[in-house]
């Protein structure tokens, strides 16, 4: 079965991935994934070709979900395919992947990308309040040598419910690991009067003392 380049699909296409294989061609390494998706209300099943850069996003094994986010420009000026890959929610079974994907396709592209990618704080408006849980340390990219502090989050942005993973400053590690769940308020970037360094102004609260934010938890 012939494969299609992922760039032939519209930005925001969400694929259900059942298998992925690394290959080597005349232009170097690439990947071929067995996928299903929905285009214009019609279900399509087949294979897609993924660049080496896109393949670097596979930190999880199929079955999983892949979001085509279009292209982006790297520091060198080269254009790269931008994808987000995530495993199924822990409560979902592999056979329910189609149902999970159908529900996620109802979300806006921005919200879905936020769900599937680890987000930096400055992707959100100032004074955003997050419910966070499951703090852990992990490498964010292939070849990275220093682990970052990551949490799962829930929040509301312009009346839209968002969930996903969030990178937070390592200086908060001891405070965050003290409890598995809590409230995080990001007040925006702040400049240190001592050395002029710009940093993220974050307040961590115990969830038991943050009853005023309880309405962020979805029913």
C-alpha atoms as a PDB file:
ATOM      1  CA  UNK A   1       0.000   0.000   0.000  1.00  0.00           C
ATOM      2  CA  UNK A   2       1.400   3.403  -0.995  1.00  0.00           C
ATOM      3  CA  UNK A   3       1.998   5.986   1.715  1.00  0.00           C
ATOM      4  CA  UNK A   4       1.107   9.684   1.624  1.00  0.00           C
ATOM      5  CA  UNK A   5       3.255  12.502   2.939  1.00  0.00           C
ATOM      6  CA  UNK A   6       1.671  13.887   6.113  1.00  0.00           C
ATOM      7  CA  UNK A   7       1.958  17.394   4.595  1.00  0.00           C
ATOM      8  CA  UNK A   8      -0.743  16.425   2.106  1.00  0.00           C
ATOM      9  CA  UNK A   9      -3.247  16.545   4.969  1.00  0.00           C
ATOM     10  CA  UNK A  10      -4.807  19.693   6.456  1.00  0.00           C
ATOM     11  CA  UNK A  11      -3.161  21.254   9.490  1.00  0.00           C
ATOM     12  CA  UNK A  12      -4.984  19.989  12.575  1.00  0.00           C
ATOM     13  CA  UNK A  13      -5.619  16.468  11.241  1.00  0.00           C
ATOM     14  CA  UNK A  14      -5.730  13.966  14.099  1.00  0.00           C
ATOM     15  CA  UNK A  15      -4.545  10.452  13.250  1.00  0.00           C
ATOM     16  CA  UNK A  16      -5.166   7.198  15.084  1.00  0.00           C
ATOM     17  CA  UNK A  17      -1.848   5.330  14.848  1.00  0.00           C
ATOM     18  CA  UNK A  18      -1.799   1.538  15.071  1.00  0.00           C
ATOM     19  CA  UNK A  19       1.802   0.922  13.985  1.00  0.00           C
ATOM     20  CA  UNK A  20       4.919   2.868  13.031  1.00  0.00           C
ATOM     21  CA  UNK A  21       8.113   1.693  11.369  1.00  0.00           C
ATOM     22  CA  UNK A  22      11.457   3.422  10.928  1.00  0.00           C
ATOM     23  CA  UNK A  23      12.961   3.226   7.448  1.00  0.00           C
ATOM     24  CA  UNK A  24      16.012   4.507   5.597  1.00  0.00           C
ATOM     25  CA  UNK A  25      15.808   5.977   2.111  1.00  0.00           C
ATOM     26  CA  UNK A  26      17.970   7.944  -0.278  1.00  0.00           C
ATOM     27  CA  UNK A  27      17.349  11.126   1.758  1.00  0.00           C
ATOM     28  CA  UNK A  28      17.998   9.538   5.141  1.00  0.00           C
ATOM     29  CA  UNK A  29      15.771   8.174   7.878  1.00  0.00           C
ATOM     30  CA  UNK A  30      12.007   8.533   7.863  1.00  0.00           C
ATOM     31  CA  UNK A  31       8.977   6.705   9.221  1.00  0.00           C
ATOM     32  CA  UNK A  32       5.830   5.065   7.900  1.00  0.00           C
ATOM     33  CA  UNK A  33       2.781   4.911  10.151  1.00  0.00           C
ATOM     34  CA  UNK A  34      -0.438   2.921   9.737  1.00  0.00           C
ATOM     35  CA  UNK A  35      -3.220   5.359  10.498  1.00  0.00           C
ATOM     36  CA  UNK A  36      -6.894   6.162  10.363  1.00  0.00           C
ATOM     37  CA  UNK A  37      -8.413   9.634  10.343  1.00  0.00           C
ATOM     38  CA  UNK A  38     -11.502  11.596   9.320  1.00  0.00           C
ATOM     39  CA  UNK A  39     -11.329  14.124   6.460  1.00  0.00           C
ATOM     40  CA  UNK A  40     -14.458  16.039   5.479  1.00  0.00           C
ATOM     41  CA  UNK A  41     -16.621  13.684   7.501  1.00  0.00           C
ATOM     42  CA  UNK A  42     -15.263  10.585   5.751  1.00  0.00           C
ATOM     43  CA  UNK A  43     -13.022   8.006   7.417  1.00  0.00           C
ATOM     44  CA  UNK A  44      -9.709   7.244   5.703  1.00  0.00           C
ATOM     45  CA  UNK A  45      -7.303   4.424   6.489  1.00  0.00           C
ATOM     46  CA  UNK A  46      -3.817   4.044   5.078  1.00  0.00           C
ATOM     47  CA  UNK A  47      -0.162   4.883   5.612  1.00  0.00           C
ATOM     48  CA  UNK A  48       1.582   8.220   6.066  1.00  0.00           C
ATOM     49  CA  UNK A  49       5.249   9.165   5.691  1.00  0.00           C
ATOM     50  CA  UNK A  50       6.912  11.030   8.536  1.00  0.00           C
ATOM     51  CA  UNK A  51      10.202  12.917   8.456  1.00  0.00           C
ATOM     52  CA  UNK A  52      13.023  12.093  10.863  1.00  0.00           C
ATOM     53  CA  UNK A  53      12.114  15.227  12.787  1.00  0.00           C
ATOM     54  CA  UNK A  54       8.503  14.096  13.139  1.00  0.00           C
ATOM     55  CA  UNK A  55       9.635  10.620  14.161  1.00  0.00           C
ATOM     56  CA  UNK A  56      11.557  12.165  17.066  1.00  0.00           C
ATOM     57  CA  UNK A  57       8.163  12.988  18.554  1.00  0.00           C
ATOM     58  CA  UNK A  58       7.339   9.319  19.077  1.00  0.00           C
ATOM     59  CA  UNK A  59       8.092   9.002  22.777  1.00  0.00           C
ATOM     60  CA  UNK A  60       5.291   6.435  23.117  1.00  0.00           C
ATOM     61  CA  UNK A  61       4.501   3.212  21.290  1.00  0.00           C
ATOM     62  CA  UNK A  62       1.309   2.680  19.228  1.00  0.00           C
ATOM     63  CA  UNK A  63      -1.583   2.560  19.649  1.00  0.00           C
ATOM     64  CA  UNK A  64      -1.405   6.323  20.059  1.00  0.00           C
ATOM     65  CA  UNK A  65      -2.736   9.571  18.594  1.00  0.00           C
ATOM     66  CA  UNK A  66      -0.820  11.937  16.320  1.00  0.00           C
ATOM     67  CA  UNK A  67      -1.760  15.544  15.582  1.00  0.00           C
ATOM     68  CA  UNK A  68      -0.385  17.232  12.459  1.00  0.00           C
ATOM     69  CA  UNK A  69       0.368  20.801  13.532  1.00  0.00           C
ATOM     70  CA  UNK A  70       1.631  22.096  10.193  1.00  0.00           C
ATOM     71  CA  UNK A  71       5.217  23.238   9.753  1.00  0.00           C
ATOM     72  CA  UNK A  72       7.553  25.414  11.762  1.00  0.00           C
ATOM     73  CA  UNK A  73      10.885  27.090  11.139  1.00  0.00           C
ATOM     74  CA  UNK A  74      13.919  25.964  13.114  1.00  0.00           C
ATOM     75  CA  UNK A  75      16.747  28.163  14.355  1.00  0.00           C
ATOM     76  CA  UNK A  76      18.761  27.327  11.246  1.00  0.00           C
ATOM     77  CA  UNK A  77      15.962  28.621   9.028  1.00  0.00           C
ATOM     78  CA  UNK A  78      14.947  25.147   7.836  1.00  0.00           C
ATOM     79  CA  UNK A  79      11.270  24.225   7.795  1.00  0.00           C
ATOM     80  CA  UNK A  80      10.222  21.211   9.846  1.00  0.00           C
ATOM     81  CA  UNK A  81       7.037  19.163  10.093  1.00  0.00           C
ATOM     82  CA  UNK A  82       5.462  19.843  13.493  1.00  0.00           C
ATOM     83  CA  UNK A  83       3.553  16.979  15.134  1.00  0.00           C
ATOM     84  CA  UNK A  84       2.292  16.108  18.608  1.00  0.00           C
ATOM     85  CA  UNK A  85       2.070  12.478  19.699  1.00  0.00           C
ATOM     86  CA  UNK A  86       0.376  11.224  22.842  1.00  0.00           C
ATOM     87  CA  UNK A  87      -0.596   7.904  24.333  1.00  0.00           C
ATOM     88  CA  UNK A  88      -4.231   7.091  24.985  1.00  0.00           C
ATOM     89  CA  UNK A  89      -5.677   8.251  28.306  1.00  0.00           C
ATOM     90  CA  UNK A  90      -5.028   5.701  31.048  1.00  0.00           C
ATOM     91  CA  UNK A  91      -8.756   4.936  31.292  1.00  0.00           C
ATOM     92  CA  UNK A  92      -9.006   4.141  27.559  1.00  0.00           C
ATOM     93  CA  UNK A  93      -8.487   0.713  25.999  1.00  0.00           C
ATOM     94  CA  UNK A  94      -6.760   0.304  22.602  1.00  0.00           C
ATOM     95  CA  UNK A  95     -10.044  -0.732  20.988  1.00  0.00           C
ATOM     96  CA  UNK A  96     -11.617   2.564  22.114  1.00  0.00           C
ATOM     97  CA  UNK A  97      -9.018   4.714  20.307  1.00  0.00           C
ATOM     98  CA  UNK A  98     -11.489   5.649  17.552  1.00  0.00           C
ATOM     99  CA  UNK A  99     -14.016   6.890  20.117  1.00  0.00           C
ATOM    100  CA  UNK A 100     -11.352   8.920  21.964  1.00  0.00           C
ATOM    101  CA  UNK A 101     -10.199  10.465  18.677  1.00  0.00           C
ATOM    102  CA  UNK A 102     -13.762  11.370  17.661  1.00  0.00           C
ATOM    103  CA  UNK A 103     -14.250  13.236  20.939  1.00  0.00           C
ATOM    104  CA  UNK A 104     -10.925  15.048  20.585  1.00  0.00           C
ATOM    105  CA  UNK A 105     -11.748  16.127  17.030  1.00  0.00           C
ATOM    106  CA  UNK A 106     -14.576  18.227  18.475  1.00  0.00           C
ATOM    107  CA  UNK A 107     -12.000  20.450  20.203  1.00  0.00           C
ATOM    108  CA  UNK A 108     -10.449  23.519  18.633  1.00  0.00           C
ATOM    109  CA  UNK A 109      -6.990  23.024  17.143  1.00  0.00           C
ATOM    110  CA  UNK A 110      -5.402  25.246  19.806  1.00  0.00           C
ATOM    111  CA  UNK A 111      -6.986  23.325  22.660  1.00  0.00           C
ATOM    112  CA  UNK A 112      -6.142  19.968  21.114  1.00  0.00           C
ATOM    113  CA  UNK A 113      -2.520  20.957  20.554  1.00  0.00           C
ATOM    114  CA  UNK A 114      -2.344  22.097  24.163  1.00  0.00           C
ATOM    115  CA  UNK A 115      -3.729  18.745  25.246  1.00  0.00           C
ATOM    116  CA  UNK A 116      -1.158  16.792  23.274  1.00  0.00           C
ATOM    117  CA  UNK A 117       1.972  18.881  23.714  1.00  0.00           C
ATOM    118  CA  UNK A 118       3.857  19.861  26.830  1.00  0.00           C
ATOM    119  CA  UNK A 119       3.239  23.581  27.208  1.00  0.00           C
ATOM    120  CA  UNK A 120       5.460  26.363  28.603  1.00  0.00           C
ATOM    121  CA  UNK A 121       3.817  28.779  31.038  1.00  0.00           C
ATOM    122  CA  UNK A 122       4.086  31.715  28.654  1.00  0.00           C
ATOM    123  CA  UNK A 123       1.740  29.980  26.199  1.00  0.00           C
ATOM    124  CA  UNK A 124      -1.046  31.029  28.565  1.00  0.00           C
ATOM    125  CA  UNK A 125      -2.456  34.459  29.495  1.00  0.00           C
ATOM    126  CA  UNK A 126      -1.170  36.165  32.637  1.00  0.00           C
ATOM    127  CA  UNK A 127      -2.977  35.211  35.852  1.00  0.00           C
ATOM    128  CA  UNK A 128      -3.983  31.782  34.537  1.00  0.00           C
ATOM    129  CA  UNK A 129      -4.872  29.383  37.358  1.00  0.00           C
ATOM    130  CA  UNK A 130      -4.019  25.701  36.940  1.00  0.00           C
ATOM    131  CA  UNK A 131      -4.982  22.628  38.893  1.00  0.00           C
ATOM    132  CA  UNK A 132      -1.873  20.463  38.679  1.00  0.00           C
ATOM    133  CA  UNK A 133      -1.056  16.862  39.563  1.00  0.00           C
ATOM    134  CA  UNK A 134       1.486  14.099  38.994  1.00  0.00           C
ATOM    135  CA  UNK A 135       4.748  16.118  39.132  1.00  0.00           C
ATOM    136  CA  UNK A 136       7.696  14.385  37.487  1.00  0.00           C
ATOM    137  CA  UNK A 137      11.023  15.103  35.801  1.00  0.00           C
ATOM    138  CA  UNK A 138      11.670  14.171  32.186  1.00  0.00           C
ATOM    139  CA  UNK A 139      13.773  14.948  29.141  1.00  0.00           C
ATOM    140  CA  UNK A 140      11.766  17.148  26.777  1.00  0.00           C
ATOM    141  CA  UNK A 141      13.573  16.424  23.553  1.00  0.00           C
ATOM    142  CA  UNK A 142      15.860  13.915  21.960  1.00  0.00           C
ATOM    143  CA  UNK A 143      19.456  14.614  22.921  1.00  0.00           C
ATOM    144  CA  UNK A 144      18.566  16.739  25.970  1.00  0.00           C
ATOM    145  CA  UNK A 145      20.854  16.186  28.967  1.00  0.00           C
ATOM    146  CA  UNK A 146      18.932  18.028  31.686  1.00  0.00           C
ATOM    147  CA  UNK A 147      15.512  16.949  32.918  1.00  0.00           C
ATOM    148  CA  UNK A 148      12.676  19.463  33.218  1.00  0.00           C
ATOM    149  CA  UNK A 149       9.922  19.627  35.841  1.00  0.00           C
ATOM    150  CA  UNK A 150       6.573  18.657  34.289  1.00  0.00           C
ATOM    151  CA  UNK A 151       3.048  18.391  35.712  1.00  0.00           C
ATOM    152  CA  UNK A 152      -0.350  17.466  34.289  1.00  0.00           C
ATOM    153  CA  UNK A 153      -2.806  20.362  34.391  1.00  0.00           C
ATOM    154  CA  UNK A 154      -6.413  21.474  34.019  1.00  0.00           C
ATOM    155  CA  UNK A 155      -7.450  25.077  33.430  1.00  0.00           C
ATOM    156  CA  UNK A 156      -9.921  27.372  31.658  1.00  0.00           C
ATOM    157  CA  UNK A 157      -8.729  29.724  28.903  1.00  0.00           C
ATOM    158  CA  UNK A 158     -11.313  32.097  27.419  1.00  0.00           C
ATOM    159  CA  UNK A 159     -14.146  29.823  28.579  1.00  0.00           C
ATOM    160  CA  UNK A 160     -12.547  26.728  27.020  1.00  0.00           C
ATOM    161  CA  UNK A 161     -11.431  23.782  29.147  1.00  0.00           C
ATOM    162  CA  UNK A 162      -7.801  22.774  28.610  1.00  0.00           C
ATOM    163  CA  UNK A 163      -5.801  19.817  29.889  1.00  0.00           C
ATOM    164  CA  UNK A 164      -2.303  18.645  29.094  1.00  0.00           C
ATOM    165  CA  UNK A 165       1.215  18.812  30.482  1.00  0.00           C
ATOM    166  CA  UNK A 166       3.024  21.912  31.674  1.00  0.00           C
ATOM    167  CA  UNK A 167       6.679  22.783  32.187  1.00  0.00           C
ATOM    168  CA  UNK A 168       7.239  24.729  35.394  1.00  0.00           C
ATOM    169  CA  UNK A 169      10.394  26.291  36.896  1.00  0.00           C
ATOM    170  CA  UNK A 170      12.777  23.848  38.551  1.00  0.00           C
ATOM    171  CA  UNK A 171      13.126  26.167  41.550  1.00  0.00           C
ATOM    172  CA  UNK A 172       9.613  25.045  42.541  1.00  0.00           C
ATOM    173  CA  UNK A 173      10.575  21.361  42.572  1.00  0.00           C
ATOM    174  CA  UNK A 174      10.631  20.863  46.362  1.00  0.00           C
ATOM    175  CA  UNK A 175       7.351  22.740  46.820  1.00  0.00           C
ATOM    176  CA  UNK A 176       5.597  20.859  44.020  1.00  0.00           C
ATOM    177  CA  UNK A 177       6.806  17.395  45.015  1.00  0.00           C
ATOM    178  CA  UNK A 178       5.614  18.005  48.582  1.00  0.00           C
ATOM    179  CA  UNK A 179       2.105  17.142  47.388  1.00  0.00           C
ATOM    180  CA  UNK A 180       0.823  15.271  44.350  1.00  0.00           C
ATOM    181  CA  UNK A 181      -1.937  17.772  43.549  1.00  0.00           C
ATOM    182  CA  UNK A 182      -2.292  21.509  44.030  1.00  0.00           C
ATOM    183  CA  UNK A 183      -3.089  24.922  42.566  1.00  0.00           C
ATOM    184  CA  UNK A 184      -0.636  26.936  40.478  1.00  0.00           C
ATOM    185  CA  UNK A 185      -1.145  30.625  39.670  1.00  0.00           C
ATOM    186  CA  UNK A 186       1.010  32.051  36.885  1.00  0.00           C
ATOM    187  CA  UNK A 187       1.164  35.837  37.228  1.00  0.00           C
ATOM    188  CA  UNK A 188       3.293  36.430  34.154  1.00  0.00           C
ATOM    189  CA  UNK A 189       6.969  37.256  33.550  1.00  0.00           C
ATOM    190  CA  UNK A 190       8.742  39.341  36.157  1.00  0.00           C
ATOM    191  CA  UNK A 191      12.086  41.128  36.099  1.00  0.00           C
ATOM    192  CA  UNK A 192      14.427  40.678  39.042  1.00  0.00           C
ATOM    193  CA  UNK A 193      15.496  44.054  40.484  1.00  0.00           C
ATOM    194  CA  UNK A 194      18.832  42.515  41.511  1.00  0.00           C
ATOM    195  CA  UNK A 195      20.198  41.273  38.188  1.00  0.00           C
ATOM    196  CA  UNK A 196      17.562  42.173  35.583  1.00  0.00           C
ATOM    197  CA  UNK A 197      16.827  38.516  34.888  1.00  0.00           C
ATOM    198  CA  UNK A 198      13.319  37.756  33.593  1.00  0.00           C
ATOM    199  CA  UNK A 199      11.596  34.814  35.272  1.00  0.00           C
ATOM    200  CA  UNK A 200       8.125  33.299  35.599  1.00  0.00           C
ATOM    201  CA  UNK A 201       6.226  34.638  38.596  1.00  0.00           C
ATOM    202  CA  UNK A 202       4.445  31.565  40.022  1.00  0.00           C
ATOM    203  CA  UNK A 203       2.473  30.985  43.208  1.00  0.00           C
ATOM    204  CA  UNK A 204       1.884  27.413  44.439  1.00  0.00           C
ATOM    205  CA  UNK A 205      -1.037  26.739  46.766  1.00  0.00           C
ATOM    206  CA  UNK A 206      -2.227  23.652  48.612  1.00  0.00           C
ATOM    207  CA  UNK A 207      -5.470  22.529  47.005  1.00  0.00           C
ATOM    208  CA  UNK A 208      -7.181  22.297  50.414  1.00  0.00           C
ATOM    209  CA  UNK A 209      -6.657  26.031  50.918  1.00  0.00           C
ATOM    210  CA  UNK A 210      -7.797  27.036  47.424  1.00  0.00           C
ATOM    211  CA  UNK A 211     -11.560  26.488  47.616  1.00  0.00           C
ATOM    212  CA  UNK A 212     -12.167  29.664  45.625  1.00  0.00           C
ATOM    213  CA  UNK A 213     -10.746  27.955  42.531  1.00  0.00           C
ATOM    214  CA  UNK A 214     -12.815  24.789  42.866  1.00  0.00           C
ATOM    215  CA  UNK A 215     -15.004  25.833  39.949  1.00  0.00           C
ATOM    216  CA  UNK A 216     -12.098  24.997  37.607  1.00  0.00           C
ATOM    217  CA  UNK A 217     -12.703  21.302  38.179  1.00  0.00           C
ATOM    218  CA  UNK A 218     -15.002  20.009  35.419  1.00  0.00           C
ATOM    219  CA  UNK A 219     -18.268  18.396  36.469  1.00  0.00           C
END
